[in-house]
Amino acid sequence: MSQKASDCLTAALCSDCHGEIDNGRDMNRDERRARMNDAIVRTLDQLARRGLVRAV
């Protein structure tokens, strides 16, 4: 049984990127996970730069 990921681990993706990561026909599971991790980091970076989240 899987667990729901934290809402803090959300990535802002366009529909094409979402499909690539979700379906990943050209990537293996590790490559898809690495791509998602990168997207999460980039999303958090942009939120922080805009002052919408901050580290405490």
N, C-alpha and C. Protein backbone atom coordinates (compact mmCIF):
# COMPACT_ATOMS: atom_id res chain seq x y z
N MET A 1 0.84 -1.17 0.00
CA MET A 1 0.00 0.00 0.00
C MET A 1 0.90 1.24 0.00
N SER A 2 0.58 2.20 -0.85
CA SER A 2 1.39 3.41 -0.93
C SER A 2 0.93 4.45 0.07
N GLN A 3 1.82 5.40 0.32
CA GLN A 3 1.50 6.50 1.21
C GLN A 3 1.40 7.77 0.41
N LYS A 4 0.53 8.68 0.85
CA LYS A 4 0.39 9.96 0.17
C LYS A 4 1.60 10.83 0.52
N ALA A 5 2.19 11.42 -0.51
CA ALA A 5 3.32 12.32 -0.29
C ALA A 5 2.81 13.63 0.33
N SER A 6 3.69 14.27 1.04
CA SER A 6 3.37 15.56 1.65
C SER A 6 3.01 16.57 0.56
N ASP A 7 2.08 17.46 0.86
CA ASP A 7 1.73 18.51 -0.09
C ASP A 7 2.90 19.46 -0.32
N CYS A 8 3.88 19.44 0.57
CA CYS A 8 5.08 20.27 0.38
C CYS A 8 5.94 19.74 -0.76
N LEU A 9 5.69 18.52 -1.18
CA LEU A 9 6.48 17.91 -2.24
C LEU A 9 5.72 17.94 -3.56
N THR A 10 5.16 19.10 -3.87
CA THR A 10 4.39 19.30 -5.09
C THR A 10 5.24 20.07 -6.08
N ALA A 11 5.12 19.72 -7.34
CA ALA A 11 5.85 20.42 -8.39
C ALA A 11 4.86 21.09 -9.33
N ALA A 12 5.18 22.31 -9.72
CA ALA A 12 4.39 23.01 -10.73
C ALA A 12 4.87 22.55 -12.10
N LEU A 13 4.02 21.81 -12.79
CA LEU A 13 4.40 21.24 -14.08
C LEU A 13 3.37 21.58 -15.15
N CYS A 14 3.85 21.78 -16.37
CA CYS A 14 2.92 21.90 -17.49
C CYS A 14 2.40 20.49 -17.80
N SER A 15 1.36 20.42 -18.60
CA SER A 15 0.76 19.11 -18.87
C SER A 15 1.73 18.18 -19.61
N ASP A 16 2.56 18.73 -20.48
CA ASP A 16 3.54 17.88 -21.20
C ASP A 16 4.56 17.27 -20.25
N CYS A 17 5.10 18.11 -19.33
CA CYS A 17 6.08 17.60 -18.37
C CYS A 17 5.44 16.60 -17.41
N HIS A 18 4.22 16.87 -17.01
CA HIS A 18 3.51 15.94 -16.12
C HIS A 18 3.36 14.59 -16.81
N GLY A 19 2.96 14.61 -18.05
CA GLY A 19 2.80 13.37 -18.80
C GLY A 19 4.11 12.62 -18.96
N GLU A 20 5.19 13.36 -19.22
CA GLU A 20 6.51 12.74 -19.36
C GLU A 20 6.93 12.03 -18.08
N ILE A 21 6.76 12.71 -16.95
CA ILE A 21 7.17 12.14 -15.67
C ILE A 21 6.22 11.02 -15.25
N ASP A 22 4.94 11.22 -15.46
CA ASP A 22 3.94 10.25 -15.03
C ASP A 22 4.00 8.97 -15.86
N ASN A 23 4.10 9.11 -17.17
CA ASN A 23 4.10 7.95 -18.06
C ASN A 23 5.52 7.47 -18.34
N GLY A 24 6.42 8.38 -18.53
CA GLY A 24 7.84 8.09 -18.67
C GLY A 24 8.20 7.00 -19.64
N ARG A 25 7.65 7.05 -20.82
CA ARG A 25 7.95 6.01 -21.81
C ARG A 25 9.44 5.96 -22.18
N ASP A 26 10.08 7.14 -22.14
CA ASP A 26 11.48 7.21 -22.53
C ASP A 26 12.43 7.22 -21.34
N MET A 27 11.87 7.06 -20.11
CA MET A 27 12.70 7.09 -18.90
C MET A 27 12.37 5.90 -18.02
N ASN A 28 13.38 5.42 -17.29
CA ASN A 28 13.11 4.37 -16.33
C ASN A 28 12.62 5.01 -15.02
N ARG A 29 12.28 4.20 -14.06
CA ARG A 29 11.72 4.71 -12.81
C ARG A 29 12.66 5.67 -12.09
N ASP A 30 13.94 5.35 -12.05
CA ASP A 30 14.91 6.22 -11.38
C ASP A 30 15.04 7.56 -12.09
N GLU A 31 15.01 7.53 -13.41
CA GLU A 31 15.09 8.79 -14.18
C GLU A 31 13.84 9.64 -13.95
N ARG A 32 12.67 9.00 -13.92
CA ARG A 32 11.43 9.75 -13.64
C ARG A 32 11.47 10.35 -12.25
N ARG A 33 11.95 9.60 -11.25
CA ARG A 33 12.04 10.10 -9.88
C ARG A 33 13.01 11.27 -9.81
N ALA A 34 14.15 11.17 -10.49
CA ALA A 34 15.12 12.26 -10.49
C ALA A 34 14.52 13.51 -11.13
N ARG A 35 13.78 13.33 -12.20
CA ARG A 35 13.13 14.47 -12.87
C ARG A 35 12.09 15.11 -11.96
N MET A 36 11.33 14.29 -11.24
CA MET A 36 10.33 14.83 -10.31
C MET A 36 11.01 15.55 -9.15
N ASN A 37 12.07 14.98 -8.61
CA ASN A 37 12.81 15.64 -7.53
C ASN A 37 13.32 17.00 -7.97
N ASP A 38 13.85 17.08 -9.18
CA ASP A 38 14.34 18.35 -9.71
C ASP A 38 13.19 19.35 -9.84
N ALA A 39 12.04 18.89 -10.31
CA ALA A 39 10.88 19.78 -10.46
C ALA A 39 10.39 20.28 -9.10
N ILE A 40 10.43 19.44 -8.09
CA ILE A 40 10.03 19.86 -6.74
C ILE A 40 10.97 20.94 -6.22
N VAL A 41 12.27 20.72 -6.38
CA VAL A 41 13.26 21.70 -5.92
C VAL A 41 13.08 23.02 -6.65
N ARG A 42 12.88 22.97 -7.96
CA ARG A 42 12.69 24.20 -8.73
C ARG A 42 11.41 24.93 -8.32
N THR A 43 10.36 24.19 -8.03
CA THR A 43 9.11 24.81 -7.58
C THR A 43 9.31 25.50 -6.24
N LEU A 44 9.95 24.81 -5.30
CA LEU A 44 10.20 25.42 -3.99
C LEU A 44 11.11 26.64 -4.11
N ASP A 45 12.09 26.59 -5.00
CA ASP A 45 12.97 27.72 -5.22
C ASP A 45 12.17 28.93 -5.69
N GLN A 46 11.29 28.73 -6.65
CA GLN A 46 10.49 29.84 -7.16
C GLN A 46 9.53 30.38 -6.10
N LEU A 47 8.93 29.51 -5.32
CA LEU A 47 8.04 29.97 -4.25
C LEU A 47 8.81 30.79 -3.22
N ALA A 48 10.02 30.36 -2.88
CA ALA A 48 10.84 31.09 -1.92
C ALA A 48 11.26 32.45 -2.49
N ARG A 49 11.67 32.48 -3.74
CA ARG A 49 12.08 33.73 -4.37
C ARG A 49 10.94 34.75 -4.40
N ARG A 50 9.71 34.25 -4.49
CA ARG A 50 8.55 35.14 -4.54
C ARG A 50 8.00 35.46 -3.15
N GLY A 51 8.67 34.94 -2.13
CA GLY A 51 8.26 35.22 -0.76
C GLY A 51 7.02 34.47 -0.31
N LEU A 52 6.67 33.41 -1.01
CA LEU A 52 5.45 32.66 -0.69
C LEU A 52 5.69 31.55 0.33
N VAL A 53 6.96 31.13 0.45
CA VAL A 53 7.37 30.18 1.50
C VAL A 53 8.72 30.65 2.02
N ARG A 54 9.03 30.25 3.22
CA ARG A 54 10.34 30.58 3.77
C ARG A 54 10.76 29.49 4.74
N ALA A 55 12.05 29.35 4.90
CA ALA A 55 12.61 28.37 5.84
C ALA A 55 12.55 28.98 7.24
N VAL A 56 12.24 28.16 8.19
CA VAL A 56 12.20 28.64 9.59
C VAL A 56 13.17 27.86 10.42
